[in-house]
PDB file of all heavy atoms in Angstrom:
ATOM      1  N   LYS A   1       0.840  -1.184   0.000  1.00  0.00           N
ATOM      2  CA  LYS A   1       0.000   0.000   0.000  1.00  0.00           C
ATOM      3  C   LYS A   1       0.882   1.243   0.000  1.00  0.00           C
ATOM      4  O   LYS A   1       1.972   1.247   0.555  1.00  0.00           O
ATOM      5  CB  LYS A   1      -0.879   0.029   1.248  1.00  0.00           C
ATOM      6  CG  LYS A   1      -1.893  -1.076   1.277  1.00  0.00           C
ATOM      7  CD  LYS A   1      -2.712  -0.988   2.551  1.00  0.00           C
ATOM      8  CE  LYS A   1      -3.679  -2.139   2.637  1.00  0.00           C
ATOM      9  NZ  LYS A   1      -4.411  -2.136   3.905  1.00  0.00           N
ATOM     10  N   VAL A   2       0.392   2.298  -0.617  1.00  0.00           N
ATOM     11  CA  VAL A   2       1.106   3.561  -0.603  1.00  0.00           C
ATOM     12  C   VAL A   2       0.930   4.180   0.786  1.00  0.00           C
ATOM     13  O   VAL A   2      -0.192   4.335   1.264  1.00  0.00           O
ATOM     14  CB  VAL A   2       0.567   4.514  -1.690  1.00  0.00           C
ATOM     15  CG1 VAL A   2       1.256   5.863  -1.606  1.00  0.00           C
ATOM     16  CG2 VAL A   2       0.751   3.904  -3.065  1.00  0.00           C
ATOM     17  N   VAL A   3       2.021   4.512   1.423  1.00  0.00           N
ATOM     18  CA  VAL A   3       1.984   5.094   2.758  1.00  0.00           C
ATOM     19  C   VAL A   3       2.226   6.588   2.625  1.00  0.00           C
ATOM     20  O   VAL A   3       3.228   7.011   2.040  1.00  0.00           O
ATOM     21  CB  VAL A   3       3.058   4.446   3.667  1.00  0.00           C
ATOM     22  CG1 VAL A   3       3.062   5.089   5.033  1.00  0.00           C
ATOM     23  CG2 VAL A   3       2.827   2.957   3.768  1.00  0.00           C
ATOM     24  N   PRO A   4       1.312   7.428   3.142  1.00  0.00           N
ATOM     25  CA  PRO A   4       1.490   8.875   3.005  1.00  0.00           C
ATOM     26  C   PRO A   4       2.711   9.371   3.770  1.00  0.00           C
ATOM     27  O   PRO A   4       3.051   8.845   4.826  1.00  0.00           O
ATOM     28  CB  PRO A   4       0.201   9.452   3.590  1.00  0.00           C
ATOM     29  CG  PRO A   4      -0.338   8.397   4.483  1.00  0.00           C
ATOM     30  CD  PRO A   4       0.120   7.092   3.909  1.00  0.00           C
ATOM     31  N   THR A   5       3.367  10.372   3.203  1.00  0.00           N
ATOM     32  CA  THR A   5       4.523  10.981   3.859  1.00  0.00           C
ATOM     33  C   THR A   5       4.165  12.319   4.488  1.00  0.00           C
ATOM     34  O   THR A   5       4.954  12.894   5.217  1.00  0.00           O
ATOM     35  CB  THR A   5       5.673  11.190   2.860  1.00  0.00           C
ATOM     36  OG1 THR A   5       5.194  11.992   1.774  1.00  0.00           O
ATOM     37  CG2 THR A   5       6.183   9.856   2.333  1.00  0.00           C
ATOM     38  N   GLU A   6       2.965  12.830   4.181  1.00  0.00           N
ATOM     39  CA  GLU A   6       2.508  14.095   4.749  1.00  0.00           C
ATOM     40  C   GLU A   6       1.156  13.900   5.412  1.00  0.00           C
ATOM     41  O   GLU A   6       0.384  13.026   5.022  1.00  0.00           O
ATOM     42  CB  GLU A   6       2.388  15.161   3.658  1.00  0.00           C
ATOM     43  CG  GLU A   6       3.708  15.555   3.058  1.00  0.00           C
ATOM     44  CD  GLU A   6       3.561  16.685   2.039  1.00  0.00           C
ATOM     45  OE1 GLU A   6       2.458  17.270   1.950  1.00  0.00           O
ATOM     46  OE2 GLU A   6       4.536  16.955   1.346  1.00  0.00           O
ATOM     47  N   ALA A   7       0.871  14.748   6.390  1.00  0.00           N
ATOM     48  CA  ALA A   7      -0.402  14.673   7.090  1.00  0.00           C
ATOM     49  C   ALA A   7      -1.554  14.953   6.128  1.00  0.00           C
ATOM     50  O   ALA A   7      -1.445  15.786   5.234  1.00  0.00           O
ATOM     51  CB  ALA A   7      -0.426  15.682   8.241  1.00  0.00           C
ATOM     52  N   SER A   8      -2.640  14.237   6.313  1.00  0.00           N
ATOM     53  CA  SER A   8      -3.840  14.461   5.507  1.00  0.00           C
ATOM     54  C   SER A   8      -4.506  15.758   5.942  1.00  0.00           C
ATOM     55  O   SER A   8      -4.346  16.208   7.078  1.00  0.00           O
ATOM     56  CB  SER A   8      -4.814  13.297   5.680  1.00  0.00           C
ATOM     57  OG  SER A   8      -4.229  12.112   5.204  1.00  0.00           O
ATOM     58  N   ILE A   9      -5.273  16.336   5.028  1.00  0.00           N
ATOM     59  CA  ILE A   9      -5.901  17.630   5.293  1.00  0.00           C
ATOM     60  C   ILE A   9      -7.406  17.503   5.131  1.00  0.00           C
ATOM     61  O   ILE A   9      -7.898  16.926   4.166  1.00  0.00           O
ATOM     62  CB  ILE A   9      -5.357  18.706   4.332  1.00  0.00           C
ATOM     63  CG1 ILE A   9      -3.859  18.918   4.577  1.00  0.00           C
ATOM     64  CG2 ILE A   9      -6.129  20.011   4.488  1.00  0.00           C
ATOM     65  CD1 ILE A   9      -3.198  19.850   3.586  1.00  0.00           C
ATOM     66  N   GLU A  10      -8.129  18.028   6.087  1.00  0.00           N
ATOM     67  CA  GLU A  10      -9.577  18.164   6.009  1.00  0.00           C
ATOM     68  C   GLU A  10      -9.889  19.633   6.244  1.00  0.00           C
ATOM     69  O   GLU A  10      -9.241  20.274   7.062  1.00  0.00           O
ATOM     70  CB  GLU A  10     -10.277  17.308   7.068  1.00  0.00           C
ATOM     71  CG  GLU A  10     -10.147  15.829   6.821  1.00  0.00           C
ATOM     72  CD  GLU A  10     -10.923  14.992   7.832  1.00  0.00           C
ATOM     73  OE1 GLU A  10     -11.546  15.557   8.751  1.00  0.00           O
ATOM     74  OE2 GLU A  10     -10.904  13.770   7.686  1.00  0.00           O
ATOM     75  N   GLU A  11     -10.864  20.162   5.528  1.00  0.00           N
ATOM     76  CA  GLU A  11     -11.215  21.568   5.679  1.00  0.00           C
ATOM     77  C   GLU A  11     -12.657  21.714   6.138  1.00  0.00           C
ATOM     78  O   GLU A  11     -13.523  20.946   5.726  1.00  0.00           O
ATOM     79  CB  GLU A  11     -11.013  22.329   4.362  1.00  0.00           C
ATOM     80  CG  GLU A  11      -9.557  22.546   3.981  1.00  0.00           C
ATOM     81  CD  GLU A  11      -8.775  23.401   4.966  1.00  0.00           C
ATOM     82  OE1 GLU A  11      -9.350  24.342   5.553  1.00  0.00           O
ATOM     83  OE2 GLU A  11      -7.586  23.114   5.156  1.00  0.00           O
ATOM     84  N   GLY A  12     -12.897  22.686   6.999  1.00  0.00           N
ATOM     85  CA  GLY A  12     -14.249  22.994   7.454  1.00  0.00           C
ATOM     86  C   GLY A  12     -14.686  22.127   8.618  1.00  0.00           C
ATOM     87  O   GLY A  12     -13.943  21.300   9.136  1.00  0.00           O
ATOM     88  N   PHE A  13     -15.929  22.344   9.011  1.00  0.00           N
ATOM     89  CA  PHE A  13     -16.502  21.616  10.144  1.00  0.00           C
ATOM     90  C   PHE A  13     -16.734  20.156   9.764  1.00  0.00           C
ATOM     91  O   PHE A  13     -17.265  19.867   8.702  1.00  0.00           O
ATOM     92  CB  PHE A  13     -17.823  22.261  10.577  1.00  0.00           C
ATOM     93  CG  PHE A  13     -18.477  21.568  11.729  1.00  0.00           C
ATOM     94  CD1 PHE A  13     -17.973  21.699  13.004  1.00  0.00           C
ATOM     95  CD2 PHE A  13     -19.584  20.765  11.528  1.00  0.00           C
ATOM     96  CE1 PHE A  13     -18.568  21.049  14.076  1.00  0.00           C
ATOM     97  CE2 PHE A  13     -20.193  20.106  12.585  1.00  0.00           C
ATOM     98  CZ  PHE A  13     -19.681  20.253  13.865  1.00  0.00           C
ATOM     99  N   GLN A  14     -16.323  19.254  10.640  1.00  0.00           N
ATOM    100  CA  GLN A  14     -16.490  17.815  10.416  1.00  0.00           C
ATOM    101  C   GLN A  14     -17.300  17.242  11.573  1.00  0.00           C
ATOM    102  O   GLN A  14     -16.903  17.364  12.729  1.00  0.00           O
ATOM    103  CB  GLN A  14     -15.125  17.112  10.344  1.00  0.00           C
ATOM    104  CG  GLN A  14     -14.163  17.701   9.329  1.00  0.00           C
ATOM    105  CD  GLN A  14     -14.612  17.467   7.900  1.00  0.00           C
ATOM    106  OE1 GLN A  14     -15.166  16.430   7.576  1.00  0.00           O
ATOM    107  NE2 GLN A  14     -14.379  18.452   7.044  1.00  0.00           N
ATOM    108  N   LYS A  15     -18.410  16.647  11.263  1.00  0.00           N
ATOM    109  CA  LYS A  15     -19.304  16.096  12.284  1.00  0.00           C
ATOM    110  C   LYS A  15     -18.713  14.837  12.917  1.00  0.00           C
ATOM    111  O   LYS A  15     -18.828  14.632  14.103  1.00  0.00           O
ATOM    112  CB  LYS A  15     -20.675  15.809  11.650  1.00  0.00           C
ATOM    113  CG  LYS A  15     -21.723  15.429  12.625  1.00  0.00           C
ATOM    114  CD  LYS A  15     -22.287  16.644  13.290  1.00  0.00           C
ATOM    115  CE  LYS A  15     -23.418  16.220  14.239  1.00  0.00           C
ATOM    116  NZ  LYS A  15     -23.461  16.986  15.435  1.00  0.00           N
ATOM    117  N   GLY A  16     -18.112  13.978  12.112  1.00  0.00           N
ATOM    118  CA  GLY A  16     -17.501  12.761  12.638  1.00  0.00           C
ATOM    119  C   GLY A  16     -18.523  11.682  12.883  1.00  0.00           C
ATOM    120  O   GLY A  16     -19.601  11.730  12.325  1.00  0.00           O
ATOM    121  N   PRO A  17     -18.245  10.677  13.656  1.00  0.00           N
ATOM    122  CA  PRO A  17     -16.986  10.484  14.380  1.00  0.00           C
ATOM    123  C   PRO A  17     -15.894   9.878  13.506  1.00  0.00           C
ATOM    124  O   PRO A  17     -16.181   9.189  12.550  1.00  0.00           O
ATOM    125  CB  PRO A  17     -17.375   9.493  15.486  1.00  0.00           C
ATOM    126  CG  PRO A  17     -18.467   8.684  14.888  1.00  0.00           C
ATOM    127  CD  PRO A  17     -19.221   9.630  13.974  1.00  0.00           C
ATOM    128  N   LYS A  18     -14.668  10.185  13.846  1.00  0.00           N
ATOM    129  CA  LYS A  18     -13.494   9.634  13.168  1.00  0.00           C
ATOM    130  C   LYS A  18     -12.713   8.863  14.232  1.00  0.00           C
ATOM    131  O   LYS A  18     -12.309   9.433  15.249  1.00  0.00           O
ATOM    132  CB  LYS A  18     -12.641  10.750  12.579  1.00  0.00           C
ATOM    133  CG  LYS A  18     -11.368  10.235  11.897  1.00  0.00           C
ATOM    134  CD  LYS A  18     -10.444  11.358  11.465  1.00  0.00           C
ATOM    135  CE  LYS A  18     -10.980  12.107  10.290  1.00  0.00           C
ATOM    136  NZ  LYS A  18     -11.015  11.338   9.043  1.00  0.00           N
ATOM    137  N   GLU A  19     -12.534   7.568  13.981  1.00  0.00           N
ATOM    138  CA  GLU A  19     -11.766   6.747  14.911  1.00  0.00           C
ATOM    139  C   GLU A  19     -10.294   6.800  14.541  1.00  0.00           C
ATOM    140  O   GLU A  19      -9.933   6.553  13.395  1.00  0.00           O
ATOM    141  CB  GLU A  19     -12.268   5.303  14.906  1.00  0.00           C
ATOM    142  CG  GLU A  19     -13.622   5.155  15.539  1.00  0.00           C
ATOM    143  CD  GLU A  19     -14.070   3.721  15.691  1.00  0.00           C
ATOM    144  OE1 GLU A  19     -13.275   2.792  15.401  1.00  0.00           O
ATOM    145  OE2 GLU A  19     -15.215   3.524  16.112  1.00  0.00           O
ATOM    146  N   VAL A  20      -9.472   7.138  15.535  1.00  0.00           N
ATOM    147  CA  VAL A  20      -8.041   7.313  15.311  1.00  0.00           C
ATOM    148  C   VAL A  20      -7.255   6.728  16.478  1.00  0.00           C
ATOM    149  O   VAL A  20      -7.782   6.571  17.578  1.00  0.00           O
ATOM    150  CB  VAL A  20      -7.666   8.810  15.145  1.00  0.00           C
ATOM    151  CG1 VAL A  20      -8.276   9.409  13.904  1.00  0.00           C
ATOM    152  CG2 VAL A  20      -8.067   9.621  16.372  1.00  0.00           C
ATOM    153  N   MET A  21      -5.993   6.433  16.201  1.00  0.00           N
ATOM    154  CA  MET A  21      -5.077   6.031  17.266  1.00  0.00           C
ATOM    155  C   MET A  21      -4.147   7.206  17.546  1.00  0.00           C
ATOM    156  O   MET A  21      -3.629   7.821  16.618  1.00  0.00           O
ATOM    157  CB  MET A  21      -4.248   4.812  16.865  1.00  0.00           C
ATOM    158  CG  MET A  21      -3.253   4.393  17.954  1.00  0.00           C
ATOM    159  SD  MET A  21      -2.148   3.075  17.437  1.00  0.00           S
ATOM    160  CE  MET A  21      -3.243   1.679  17.606  1.00  0.00           C
ATOM    161  N   VAL A  22      -3.935   7.504  18.802  1.00  0.00           N
ATOM    162  CA  VAL A  22      -3.035   8.582  19.193  1.00  0.00           C
ATOM    163  C   VAL A  22      -1.601   8.082  19.034  1.00  0.00           C
ATOM    164  O   VAL A  22      -1.240   7.024  19.550  1.00  0.00           O
ATOM    165  CB  VAL A  22      -3.289   9.012  20.656  1.00  0.00           C
ATOM    166  CG1 VAL A  22      -2.310  10.098  21.073  1.00  0.00           C
ATOM    167  CG2 VAL A  22      -4.730   9.463  20.841  1.00  0.00           C
ATOM    168  N   LEU A  23      -0.789   8.833  18.295  1.00  0.00           N
ATOM    169  CA  LEU A  23       0.615   8.466  18.117  1.00  0.00           C
ATOM    170  C   LEU A  23       1.502   9.237  19.085  1.00  0.00           C
ATOM    171  O   LEU A  23       2.433   8.681  19.664  1.00  0.00           O
ATOM    172  CB  LEU A  23       1.058   8.724  16.678  1.00  0.00           C
ATOM    173  CG  LEU A  23       0.294   7.964  15.598  1.00  0.00           C
ATOM    174  CD1 LEU A  23       0.830   8.316  14.227  1.00  0.00           C
ATOM    175  CD2 LEU A  23       0.353   6.468  15.833  1.00  0.00           C
ATOM    176  N   LYS A  24       1.216  10.535  19.242  1.00  0.00           N
ATOM    177  CA  LYS A  24       1.989  11.337  20.198  1.00  0.00           C
ATOM    178  C   LYS A  24       1.200  12.586  20.544  1.00  0.00           C
ATOM    179  O   LYS A  24       0.305  13.007  19.811  1.00  0.00           O
ATOM    180  CB  LYS A  24       3.377  11.683  19.660  1.00  0.00           C
ATOM    181  CG  LYS A  24       3.384  12.600  18.457  1.00  0.00           C
ATOM    182  CD  LYS A  24       4.815  12.904  18.018  1.00  0.00           C
ATOM    183  CE  LYS A  24       4.808  13.830  16.815  1.00  0.00           C
ATOM    184  NZ  LYS A  24       6.159  14.215  16.423  1.00  0.00           N
ATOM    185  N   ALA A  25       1.560  13.175  21.687  1.00  0.00           N
ATOM    186  CA  ALA A  25       0.933  14.423  22.132  1.00  0.00           C
ATOM    187  C   ALA A  25       1.949  15.214  22.937  1.00  0.00           C
ATOM    188  O   ALA A  25       2.742  14.636  23.689  1.00  0.00           O
ATOM    189  CB  ALA A  25      -0.302  14.135  22.976  1.00  0.00           C
ATOM    190  N   THR A  26       1.933  16.532  22.757  1.00  0.00           N
ATOM    191  CA  THR A  26       2.849  17.396  23.498  1.00  0.00           C
ATOM    192  C   THR A  26       2.232  17.736  24.848  1.00  0.00           C
ATOM    193  O   THR A  26       1.055  17.472  25.099  1.00  0.00           O
ATOM    194  CB  THR A  26       3.121  18.713  22.741  1.00  0.00           C
ATOM    195  OG1 THR A  26       1.907  19.467  22.661  1.00  0.00           O
ATOM    196  CG2 THR A  26       3.671  18.449  21.353  1.00  0.00           C
ATOM    197  N   GLU A  27       3.020  18.345  25.691  1.00  0.00           N
ATOM    198  CA  GLU A  27       2.491  18.873  26.950  1.00  0.00           C
ATOM    199  C   GLU A  27       1.751  20.168  26.645  1.00  0.00           C
ATOM    200  O   GLU A  27       2.121  20.896  25.719  1.00  0.00           O
ATOM    201  CB  GLU A  27       3.630  19.131  27.938  1.00  0.00           C
ATOM    202  CG  GLU A  27       4.251  17.853  28.493  1.00  0.00           C
ATOM    203  CD  GLU A  27       3.250  16.966  29.206  1.00  0.00           C
ATOM    204  OE1 GLU A  27       2.441  17.490  29.994  1.00  0.00           O
ATOM    205  OE2 GLU A  27       3.261  15.746  28.960  1.00  0.00           O
ATOM    206  N   PRO A  28       0.714  20.502  27.413  1.00  0.00           N
ATOM    207  CA  PRO A  28      -0.010  21.762  27.192  1.00  0.00           C
ATOM    208  C   PRO A  28       0.917  22.965  27.364  1.00  0.00           C
ATOM    209  O   PRO A  28       1.836  22.950  28.179  1.00  0.00           O
ATOM    210  CB  PRO A  28      -1.082  21.751  28.288  1.00  0.00           C
ATOM    211  CG  PRO A  28      -1.268  20.315  28.618  1.00  0.00           C
ATOM    212  CD  PRO A  28       0.089  19.687  28.455  1.00  0.00           C
ATOM    213  N   PHE A  29       0.657  23.998  26.564  1.00  0.00           N
ATOM    214  CA  PHE A  29       1.431  25.228  26.644  1.00  0.00           C
ATOM    215  C   PHE A  29       0.500  26.414  26.426  1.00  0.00           C
ATOM    216  O   PHE A  29      -0.582  26.277  25.856  1.00  0.00           O
ATOM    217  CB  PHE A  29       2.584  25.238  25.621  1.00  0.00           C
ATOM    218  CG  PHE A  29       2.136  25.095  24.196  1.00  0.00           C
ATOM    219  CD1 PHE A  29       1.854  26.209  23.422  1.00  0.00           C
ATOM    220  CD2 PHE A  29       1.995  23.844  23.619  1.00  0.00           C
ATOM    221  CE1 PHE A  29       1.436  26.078  22.106  1.00  0.00           C
ATOM    222  CE2 PHE A  29       1.588  23.698  22.306  1.00  0.00           C
ATOM    223  CZ  PHE A  29       1.301  24.822  21.549  1.00  0.00           C
ATOM    224  N   SER A  30       0.924  27.582  26.873  1.00  0.00           N
ATOM    225  CA  SER A  30       0.141  28.802  26.717  1.00  0.00           C
ATOM    226  C   SER A  30       0.368  29.350  25.321  1.00  0.00           C
ATOM    227  O   SER A  30       1.507  29.485  24.879  1.00  0.00           O
ATOM    228  CB  SER A  30       0.562  29.834  27.765  1.00  0.00           C
ATOM    229  OG  SER A  30      -0.142  31.027  27.566  1.00  0.00           O
ATOM    230  N   TYR A  31      -0.714  29.642  24.597  1.00  0.00           N
ATOM    231  CA  TYR A  31      -0.569  30.143  23.234  1.00  0.00           C
ATOM    232  C   TYR A  31      -0.881  31.631  23.111  1.00  0.00           C
ATOM    233  O   TYR A  31      -0.774  32.203  22.044  1.00  0.00           O
ATOM    234  CB  TYR A  31      -1.430  29.335  22.260  1.00  0.00           C
ATOM    235  CG  TYR A  31      -2.924  29.435  22.470  1.00  0.00           C
ATOM    236  CD1 TYR A  31      -3.678  30.420  21.837  1.00  0.00           C
ATOM    237  CD2 TYR A  31      -3.584  28.533  23.288  1.00  0.00           C
ATOM    238  CE1 TYR A  31      -5.041  30.502  22.025  1.00  0.00           C
ATOM    239  CE2 TYR A  31      -4.940  28.605  23.473  1.00  0.00           C
ATOM    240  CZ  TYR A  31      -5.667  29.591  22.842  1.00  0.00           C
ATOM    241  OH  TYR A  31      -7.014  29.665  23.028  1.00  0.00           O
ATOM    242  N   ASP A  32      -1.248  32.264  24.208  1.00  0.00           N
ATOM    243  CA  ASP A  32      -1.523  33.702  24.209  1.00  0.00           C
ATOM    244  C   ASP A  32      -0.686  34.344  25.302  1.00  0.00           C
ATOM    245  O   ASP A  32      -0.950  34.147  26.493  1.00  0.00           O
ATOM    246  CB  ASP A  32      -3.016  33.957  24.460  1.00  0.00           C
ATOM    247  CG  ASP A  32      -3.396  35.421  24.318  1.00  0.00           C
ATOM    248  OD1 ASP A  32      -2.493  36.302  24.310  1.00  0.00           O
ATOM    249  OD2 ASP A  32      -4.603  35.699  24.218  1.00  0.00           O
TER     250      ASP A  32
END
């Protein structure tokens, strides 16, 4: 199978649900 090398893109509001596996997550940080 062709394996993507870049993240997929979705635009606009998505109702879902989309089942996914978490690969990684950063620690929370202040963005303002």
